[in-house]
């Protein structure tokens, strides 16, 4: 999971899809999570919860 977080950090650093104002905040949180074992589980739970909320919307739009 730490490797995946590192990949996300690299992506956020390089992308222009994230605003310059948001990047430092996102990167700070990702670096914090990368260094905390319990935070890795927190990330997985947050994404799972987000997906459970968004999946019906994606399904309704025909996105898979």
Protein backbone atom coordinates (compact mmCIF):
# COMPACT_ATOMS: atom_id res chain seq x y z
CA UNK A 1 0.00 0.00 0.00
CA UNK A 2 2.90 2.34 0.71
CA UNK A 3 4.03 1.89 -2.89
CA UNK A 4 0.54 2.80 -4.13
CA UNK A 5 0.52 5.93 -1.99
CA UNK A 6 3.93 6.84 -3.41
CA UNK A 7 2.53 6.43 -6.93
CA UNK A 8 -0.36 8.76 -6.08
CA UNK A 9 2.07 11.30 -4.62
CA UNK A 10 4.10 11.19 -7.84
CA UNK A 11 0.95 11.60 -9.93
CA UNK A 12 -0.29 14.57 -7.89
CA UNK A 13 3.12 16.24 -8.16
CA UNK A 14 3.17 15.94 -11.96
CA UNK A 15 -0.49 16.40 -12.96
CA UNK A 16 -2.14 19.60 -14.08
CA UNK A 17 -5.55 18.19 -13.11
CA UNK A 18 -5.01 19.25 -9.49
CA UNK A 19 -4.88 22.97 -8.77
CA UNK A 20 -1.61 24.46 -7.57
CA UNK A 21 -3.41 25.67 -4.45
CA UNK A 22 -4.63 22.16 -3.58
CA UNK A 23 -1.42 20.26 -4.30
CA UNK A 24 0.45 21.15 -1.10
CA UNK A 25 -2.52 20.18 1.06
CA UNK A 26 -3.04 16.90 -0.76
CA UNK A 27 0.65 16.06 -0.73
CA UNK A 28 0.96 16.81 2.99
CA UNK A 29 -1.90 14.44 3.77
CA UNK A 30 -0.59 11.72 1.45
CA UNK A 31 2.88 11.94 3.01
CA UNK A 32 1.32 11.72 6.46
CA UNK A 33 -0.68 8.65 5.42
CA UNK A 34 2.34 7.02 3.80
CA UNK A 35 4.18 7.13 7.13
CA UNK A 36 1.33 5.86 9.31
CA UNK A 37 0.34 2.21 9.15
CA UNK A 38 -3.15 2.88 10.53
CA UNK A 39 -3.65 5.63 8.00
CA UNK A 40 -3.24 3.15 5.16
CA UNK A 41 -6.30 1.31 6.41
CA UNK A 42 -8.10 4.64 6.75
CA UNK A 43 -7.46 5.41 3.09
CA UNK A 44 -8.85 2.07 2.00
CA UNK A 45 -11.99 2.58 4.09
CA UNK A 46 -12.51 6.12 2.81
CA UNK A 47 -12.23 5.02 -0.81
CA UNK A 48 -14.53 2.07 -0.20
CA UNK A 49 -17.13 4.34 1.39
CA UNK A 50 -16.79 6.84 -1.44
CA UNK A 51 -17.20 4.08 -4.00
CA UNK A 52 -20.34 2.77 -2.28
CA UNK A 53 -21.86 6.25 -2.54
CA UNK A 54 -20.76 6.90 -6.11
CA UNK A 55 -21.31 3.49 -7.72
CA UNK A 56 -25.09 3.93 -8.12
CA UNK A 57 -24.49 7.28 -9.81
CA UNK A 58 -21.93 5.80 -12.20
CA UNK A 59 -24.28 2.88 -12.91
CA UNK A 60 -27.14 5.23 -13.64
CA UNK A 61 -24.96 7.18 -16.06
CA UNK A 62 -23.89 3.95 -17.73
CA UNK A 63 -20.24 4.31 -16.62
CA UNK A 64 -18.51 1.12 -15.59
